[in-house]
């Protein structure tokens, strides 16, 4: 990937929107800063969404390639991060549909807004032979994997990526009230599933 650069610019001080504007004008260093700034967040989000480290890396690569080839499609009418996450989610949905693996749980109870009493680790730990299957991170990932797609995506965006409700509504193309109710429902689902997982592993 080639393009012009400006060594006099302090890219770290630029906003996301300033970076994409510079990249649209051909500044490749601005694109590199975008990748540096968002890669770990996007991989983390995609890992939680797909449950696969390898798949999350592949989809993240596709996402940033899409940003590179379609930079002209971004319009300065919304946050750049919203556009980025929308692209990532669309790729993830396509990947999941191809695998045709869906797990869902249903629950009728709703939790209180912004009161989550399950713990989510800040780091990403992939369950493998070197990781003890009884770790909290592994349990949580198992529970997230079992959520329906519509609950999973809003839970990850809110409770792991810490996006605000309005941004999630834009990314998912859902009414704000629907976003909030799905987050509440997802949290209740996770609580119930984690309780079940913990009890099962204590037997």
C-alpha atoms as a PDB file:
ATOM      1  CA  UNK A   1       0.000   0.000   0.000  1.00  0.00           C
ATOM      2  CA  UNK A   2       1.605   3.223  -1.130  1.00  0.00           C
ATOM      3  CA  UNK A   3       0.762   6.889  -0.871  1.00  0.00           C
ATOM      4  CA  UNK A   4       2.096  10.193   0.273  1.00  0.00           C
ATOM      5  CA  UNK A   5       3.003  10.907   3.883  1.00  0.00           C
ATOM      6  CA  UNK A   6       3.694  13.946   6.014  1.00  0.00           C
ATOM      7  CA  UNK A   7       6.463  13.448   8.551  1.00  0.00           C
ATOM      8  CA  UNK A   8       5.708  16.832  10.167  1.00  0.00           C
ATOM      9  CA  UNK A   9       2.226  15.783  11.282  1.00  0.00           C
ATOM     10  CA  UNK A  10       1.657  14.413  14.799  1.00  0.00           C
ATOM     11  CA  UNK A  11      -0.953  11.826  13.871  1.00  0.00           C
ATOM     12  CA  UNK A  12      -1.548  10.709  17.442  1.00  0.00           C
ATOM     13  CA  UNK A  13      -3.033  14.113  18.247  1.00  0.00           C
ATOM     14  CA  UNK A  14      -5.526  13.980  15.396  1.00  0.00           C
ATOM     15  CA  UNK A  15      -9.122  12.873  15.856  1.00  0.00           C
ATOM     16  CA  UNK A  16     -10.383   9.790  14.049  1.00  0.00           C
ATOM     17  CA  UNK A  17     -12.321  12.010  11.672  1.00  0.00           C
ATOM     18  CA  UNK A  18      -9.247  14.124  10.916  1.00  0.00           C
ATOM     19  CA  UNK A  19      -7.270  10.977  10.173  1.00  0.00           C
ATOM     20  CA  UNK A  20      -9.761   9.566   7.684  1.00  0.00           C
ATOM     21  CA  UNK A  21     -10.013  12.961   5.981  1.00  0.00           C
ATOM     22  CA  UNK A  22      -6.234  13.048   5.554  1.00  0.00           C
ATOM     23  CA  UNK A  23      -6.289   9.500   4.258  1.00  0.00           C
ATOM     24  CA  UNK A  24      -8.996  10.433   1.775  1.00  0.00           C
ATOM     25  CA  UNK A  25      -6.566  13.062   0.529  1.00  0.00           C
ATOM     26  CA  UNK A  26      -3.906  10.409  -0.004  1.00  0.00           C
ATOM     27  CA  UNK A  27      -1.960  10.470   3.283  1.00  0.00           C
ATOM     28  CA  UNK A  28      -0.963   6.842   3.895  1.00  0.00           C
ATOM     29  CA  UNK A  29       0.464   7.622   7.340  1.00  0.00           C
ATOM     30  CA  UNK A  30      -3.022   8.648   8.430  1.00  0.00           C
ATOM     31  CA  UNK A  31      -4.293   5.215   7.399  1.00  0.00           C
ATOM     32  CA  UNK A  32      -1.474   3.526   9.309  1.00  0.00           C
ATOM     33  CA  UNK A  33      -2.444   5.489  12.419  1.00  0.00           C
ATOM     34  CA  UNK A  34      -6.075   4.385  12.001  1.00  0.00           C
ATOM     35  CA  UNK A  35      -4.973   0.745  11.889  1.00  0.00           C
ATOM     36  CA  UNK A  36      -2.691   1.230  14.903  1.00  0.00           C
ATOM     37  CA  UNK A  37      -5.455   2.974  16.847  1.00  0.00           C
ATOM     38  CA  UNK A  38      -8.246   0.504  16.144  1.00  0.00           C
ATOM     39  CA  UNK A  39      -6.761  -2.887  15.288  1.00  0.00           C
ATOM     40  CA  UNK A  40      -6.718  -4.352  18.814  1.00  0.00           C
ATOM     41  CA  UNK A  41     -10.232  -3.053  19.536  1.00  0.00           C
ATOM     42  CA  UNK A  42     -11.625  -4.513  16.330  1.00  0.00           C
ATOM     43  CA  UNK A  43      -9.895  -7.875  16.822  1.00  0.00           C
ATOM     44  CA  UNK A  44     -11.165  -7.975  20.419  1.00  0.00           C
ATOM     45  CA  UNK A  45     -14.710  -7.197  19.276  1.00  0.00           C
ATOM     46  CA  UNK A  46     -14.588  -9.785  16.488  1.00  0.00           C
ATOM     47  CA  UNK A  47     -13.111 -12.446  18.767  1.00  0.00           C
ATOM     48  CA  UNK A  48     -15.957 -11.972  21.215  1.00  0.00           C
ATOM     49  CA  UNK A  49     -18.440 -11.983  18.343  1.00  0.00           C
ATOM     50  CA  UNK A  50     -17.137 -15.068  16.512  1.00  0.00           C
ATOM     51  CA  UNK A  51     -15.400 -16.964  19.333  1.00  0.00           C
ATOM     52  CA  UNK A  52     -12.450 -17.645  17.028  1.00  0.00           C
ATOM     53  CA  UNK A  53      -9.077 -15.935  17.254  1.00  0.00           C
ATOM     54  CA  UNK A  54      -8.099 -16.928  13.713  1.00  0.00           C
ATOM     55  CA  UNK A  55     -11.418 -15.823  12.271  1.00  0.00           C
ATOM     56  CA  UNK A  56     -11.308 -12.514  14.123  1.00  0.00           C
ATOM     57  CA  UNK A  57      -7.862 -11.764  12.698  1.00  0.00           C
ATOM     58  CA  UNK A  58      -9.056 -12.572   9.175  1.00  0.00           C
ATOM     59  CA  UNK A  59     -12.190 -10.440   9.448  1.00  0.00           C
ATOM     60  CA  UNK A  60     -10.210  -7.555  10.946  1.00  0.00           C
ATOM     61  CA  UNK A  61      -7.866  -7.703   7.970  1.00  0.00           C
ATOM     62  CA  UNK A  62     -10.849  -7.616   5.615  1.00  0.00           C
ATOM     63  CA  UNK A  63     -12.288  -4.683   7.552  1.00  0.00           C
ATOM     64  CA  UNK A  64      -9.179  -2.532   7.283  1.00  0.00           C
ATOM     65  CA  UNK A  65      -8.742  -3.490   3.642  1.00  0.00           C
ATOM     66  CA  UNK A  66     -12.304  -2.276   3.066  1.00  0.00           C
ATOM     67  CA  UNK A  67     -11.428   1.004   4.785  1.00  0.00           C
ATOM     68  CA  UNK A  68      -8.408   1.311   2.499  1.00  0.00           C
ATOM     69  CA  UNK A  69     -10.244   0.583  -0.741  1.00  0.00           C
ATOM     70  CA  UNK A  70     -13.483   2.410   0.130  1.00  0.00           C
ATOM     71  CA  UNK A  71     -12.205   5.449   2.002  1.00  0.00           C
ATOM     72  CA  UNK A  72     -14.181   7.712  -0.326  1.00  0.00           C
ATOM     73  CA  UNK A  73     -17.450   6.246   1.011  1.00  0.00           C
ATOM     74  CA  UNK A  74     -16.996   7.798   4.453  1.00  0.00           C
ATOM     75  CA  UNK A  75     -18.920  11.027   4.903  1.00  0.00           C
ATOM     76  CA  UNK A  76     -18.310  13.432   7.742  1.00  0.00           C
ATOM     77  CA  UNK A  77     -21.864  13.158   9.051  1.00  0.00           C
ATOM     78  CA  UNK A  78     -21.097  10.660  11.797  1.00  0.00           C
ATOM     79  CA  UNK A  79     -18.265   9.245  13.855  1.00  0.00           C
ATOM     80  CA  UNK A  80     -15.587   7.357  11.977  1.00  0.00           C
ATOM     81  CA  UNK A  81     -15.660   4.590  14.587  1.00  0.00           C
ATOM     82  CA  UNK A  82     -19.354   4.017  13.837  1.00  0.00           C
ATOM     83  CA  UNK A  83     -18.551   3.444  10.168  1.00  0.00           C
ATOM     84  CA  UNK A  84     -15.648   1.160  11.076  1.00  0.00           C
ATOM     85  CA  UNK A  85     -17.670  -1.032  13.449  1.00  0.00           C
ATOM     86  CA  UNK A  86     -20.514  -1.230  10.934  1.00  0.00           C
ATOM     87  CA  UNK A  87     -18.112  -2.643   8.344  1.00  0.00           C
ATOM     88  CA  UNK A  88     -16.672  -5.113  10.867  1.00  0.00           C
ATOM     89  CA  UNK A  89     -20.130  -6.303  11.934  1.00  0.00           C
ATOM     90  CA  UNK A  90     -21.232  -6.817   8.339  1.00  0.00           C
ATOM     91  CA  UNK A  91     -18.172  -8.966   7.631  1.00  0.00           C
ATOM     92  CA  UNK A  92     -18.720 -10.923  10.860  1.00  0.00           C
ATOM     93  CA  UNK A  93     -22.382 -11.569  10.057  1.00  0.00           C
ATOM     94  CA  UNK A  94     -21.455 -12.833   6.609  1.00  0.00           C
ATOM     95  CA  UNK A  95     -18.849 -15.158   8.095  1.00  0.00           C
ATOM     96  CA  UNK A  96     -21.281 -16.529  10.670  1.00  0.00           C
ATOM     97  CA  UNK A  97     -23.972 -17.099   8.056  1.00  0.00           C
ATOM     98  CA  UNK A  98     -21.512 -19.066   5.971  1.00  0.00           C
ATOM     99  CA  UNK A  99     -20.685 -21.312   8.918  1.00  0.00           C
ATOM    100  CA  UNK A 100     -24.388 -21.705   9.723  1.00  0.00           C
ATOM    101  CA  UNK A 101     -23.714 -22.121  13.415  1.00  0.00           C
ATOM    102  CA  UNK A 102     -26.232 -20.397  15.601  1.00  0.00           C
ATOM    103  CA  UNK A 103     -26.717 -20.779  19.331  1.00  0.00           C
ATOM    104  CA  UNK A 104     -29.489 -18.996  21.137  1.00  0.00           C
ATOM    105  CA  UNK A 105     -30.983 -18.725  24.571  1.00  0.00           C
ATOM    106  CA  UNK A 106     -34.207 -16.989  25.497  1.00  0.00           C
ATOM    107  CA  UNK A 107     -35.241 -15.320  28.722  1.00  0.00           C
ATOM    108  CA  UNK A 108     -38.232 -13.207  29.656  1.00  0.00           C
ATOM    109  CA  UNK A 109     -36.729 -11.173  32.489  1.00  0.00           C
ATOM    110  CA  UNK A 110     -35.127  -7.778  31.883  1.00  0.00           C
ATOM    111  CA  UNK A 111     -32.334  -6.223  33.957  1.00  0.00           C
ATOM    112  CA  UNK A 112     -32.013  -2.634  35.049  1.00  0.00           C
ATOM    113  CA  UNK A 113     -30.326  -0.301  32.570  1.00  0.00           C
ATOM    114  CA  UNK A 114     -26.536  -0.144  32.950  1.00  0.00           C
ATOM    115  CA  UNK A 115     -26.499  -2.527  35.917  1.00  0.00           C
ATOM    116  CA  UNK A 116     -24.446  -5.515  34.878  1.00  0.00           C
ATOM    117  CA  UNK A 117     -23.311  -7.814  37.651  1.00  0.00           C
ATOM    118  CA  UNK A 118     -21.182 -10.151  35.599  1.00  0.00           C
ATOM    119  CA  UNK A 119     -17.501  -9.362  35.128  1.00  0.00           C
ATOM    120  CA  UNK A 120     -15.886  -9.010  31.733  1.00  0.00           C
ATOM    121  CA  UNK A 121     -12.082  -9.221  31.483  1.00  0.00           C
ATOM    122  CA  UNK A 122     -10.323  -6.313  29.799  1.00  0.00           C
ATOM    123  CA  UNK A 123      -7.936  -8.621  27.973  1.00  0.00           C
ATOM    124  CA  UNK A 124      -8.754 -11.274  25.418  1.00  0.00           C
ATOM    125  CA  UNK A 125      -7.911 -14.841  26.390  1.00  0.00           C
ATOM    126  CA  UNK A 126      -8.470 -17.536  23.818  1.00  0.00           C
ATOM    127  CA  UNK A 127      -9.430 -20.919  25.277  1.00  0.00           C
ATOM    128  CA  UNK A 128      -6.859 -23.509  24.230  1.00  0.00           C
ATOM    129  CA  UNK A 129      -4.784 -26.311  25.729  1.00  0.00           C
ATOM    130  CA  UNK A 130      -2.608 -23.817  27.597  1.00  0.00           C
ATOM    131  CA  UNK A 131      -5.502 -22.059  29.293  1.00  0.00           C
ATOM    132  CA  UNK A 132      -7.335 -23.569  32.223  1.00  0.00           C
ATOM    133  CA  UNK A 133     -10.929 -24.152  31.171  1.00  0.00           C
ATOM    134  CA  UNK A 134     -12.136 -23.057  34.608  1.00  0.00           C
ATOM    135  CA  UNK A 135     -10.952 -19.464  34.158  1.00  0.00           C
ATOM    136  CA  UNK A 136     -13.560 -16.757  34.336  1.00  0.00           C
ATOM    137  CA  UNK A 137     -12.611 -15.477  30.903  1.00  0.00           C
ATOM    138  CA  UNK A 138     -13.309 -18.857  29.319  1.00  0.00           C
ATOM    139  CA  UNK A 139     -16.678 -19.130  31.050  1.00  0.00           C
ATOM    140  CA  UNK A 140     -17.688 -15.676  29.878  1.00  0.00           C
ATOM    141  CA  UNK A 141     -16.684 -16.396  26.299  1.00  0.00           C
ATOM    142  CA  UNK A 142     -18.722 -19.607  26.363  1.00  0.00           C
ATOM    143  CA  UNK A 143     -21.733 -17.625  27.550  1.00  0.00           C
ATOM    144  CA  UNK A 144     -21.237 -14.905  24.940  1.00  0.00           C
ATOM    145  CA  UNK A 145     -20.936 -17.543  22.208  1.00  0.00           C
ATOM    146  CA  UNK A 146     -24.308 -18.957  23.276  1.00  0.00           C
ATOM    147  CA  UNK A 147     -26.127 -15.631  22.983  1.00  0.00           C
ATOM    148  CA  UNK A 148     -28.324 -15.078  19.968  1.00  0.00           C
ATOM    149  CA  UNK A 149     -26.733 -12.862  17.344  1.00  0.00           C
ATOM    150  CA  UNK A 150     -29.018  -9.911  18.065  1.00  0.00           C
ATOM    151  CA  UNK A 151     -28.128  -9.950  21.776  1.00  0.00           C
ATOM    152  CA  UNK A 152     -24.467 -10.788  21.308  1.00  0.00           C
ATOM    153  CA  UNK A 153     -23.623  -7.817  19.127  1.00  0.00           C
ATOM    154  CA  UNK A 154     -25.144  -5.174  21.424  1.00  0.00           C
ATOM    155  CA  UNK A 155     -23.621  -6.724  24.558  1.00  0.00           C
ATOM    156  CA  UNK A 156     -20.149  -6.728  23.007  1.00  0.00           C
ATOM    157  CA  UNK A 157     -20.486  -3.195  21.672  1.00  0.00           C
ATOM    158  CA  UNK A 158     -21.726  -1.820  24.997  1.00  0.00           C
ATOM    159  CA  UNK A 159     -20.049  -3.855  27.730  1.00  0.00           C
ATOM    160  CA  UNK A 160     -16.747  -4.756  26.063  1.00  0.00           C
ATOM    161  CA  UNK A 161     -16.164  -2.010  23.503  1.00  0.00           C
ATOM    162  CA  UNK A 162     -17.925   0.553  25.744  1.00  0.00           C
ATOM    163  CA  UNK A 163     -19.658   2.388  22.909  1.00  0.00           C
ATOM    164  CA  UNK A 164     -22.527   4.691  23.791  1.00  0.00           C
ATOM    165  CA  UNK A 165     -26.145   3.793  23.092  1.00  0.00           C
ATOM    166  CA  UNK A 166     -26.571   6.238  20.222  1.00  0.00           C
ATOM    167  CA  UNK A 167     -23.520   4.887  18.404  1.00  0.00           C
ATOM    168  CA  UNK A 168     -24.697   1.298  18.883  1.00  0.00           C
ATOM    169  CA  UNK A 169     -28.105   2.254  17.493  1.00  0.00           C
ATOM    170  CA  UNK A 170     -26.430   3.680  14.394  1.00  0.00           C
ATOM    171  CA  UNK A 171     -24.129   0.680  13.912  1.00  0.00           C
ATOM    172  CA  UNK A 172     -26.913  -1.863  14.286  1.00  0.00           C
ATOM    173  CA  UNK A 173     -29.563   0.257  12.540  1.00  0.00           C
ATOM    174  CA  UNK A 174     -31.942  -0.229  15.469  1.00  0.00           C
ATOM    175  CA  UNK A 175     -34.141   2.185  17.438  1.00  0.00           C
ATOM    176  CA  UNK A 176     -32.505   3.403  20.649  1.00  0.00           C
ATOM    177  CA  UNK A 177     -35.176   1.757  22.796  1.00  0.00           C
ATOM    178  CA  UNK A 178     -34.581  -1.596  21.105  1.00  0.00           C
ATOM    179  CA  UNK A 179     -30.844  -1.310  21.727  1.00  0.00           C
ATOM    180  CA  UNK A 180     -31.389  -0.655  25.430  1.00  0.00           C
ATOM    181  CA  UNK A 181     -33.886  -3.487  25.871  1.00  0.00           C
ATOM    182  CA  UNK A 182     -31.626  -5.958  24.049  1.00  0.00           C
ATOM    183  CA  UNK A 183     -28.676  -4.973  26.220  1.00  0.00           C
ATOM    184  CA  UNK A 184     -30.765  -5.524  29.344  1.00  0.00           C
ATOM    185  CA  UNK A 185     -32.011  -8.854  28.039  1.00  0.00           C
ATOM    186  CA  UNK A 186     -28.516  -9.924  27.022  1.00  0.00           C
ATOM    187  CA  UNK A 187     -27.150  -9.136  30.476  1.00  0.00           C
ATOM    188  CA  UNK A 188     -29.847 -11.230  32.094  1.00  0.00           C
ATOM    189  CA  UNK A 189     -29.094 -14.068  29.686  1.00  0.00           C
ATOM    190  CA  UNK A 190     -25.396 -13.909  30.528  1.00  0.00           C
ATOM    191  CA  UNK A 191     -26.104 -13.909  34.258  1.00  0.00           C
ATOM    192  CA  UNK A 192     -28.299 -16.990  33.956  1.00  0.00           C
ATOM    193  CA  UNK A 193     -25.918 -18.853  31.663  1.00  0.00           C
ATOM    194  CA  UNK A 194     -22.875 -18.066  33.807  1.00  0.00           C
ATOM    195  CA  UNK A 195     -24.676 -19.331  36.898  1.00  0.00           C
ATOM    196  CA  UNK A 196     -25.479 -22.541  35.017  1.00  0.00           C
ATOM    197  CA  UNK A 197     -21.894 -22.917  33.757  1.00  0.00           C
ATOM    198  CA  UNK A 198     -20.373 -22.331  37.185  1.00  0.00           C
ATOM    199  CA  UNK A 199     -22.739 -24.816  38.826  1.00  0.00           C
ATOM    200  CA  UNK A 200     -22.094 -27.427  36.124  1.00  0.00           C
ATOM    201  CA  UNK A 201     -18.342 -27.178  36.564  1.00  0.00           C
ATOM    202  CA  UNK A 202     -18.579 -27.522  40.329  1.00  0.00           C
ATOM    203  CA  UNK A 203     -20.216 -30.940  40.051  1.00  0.00           C
END
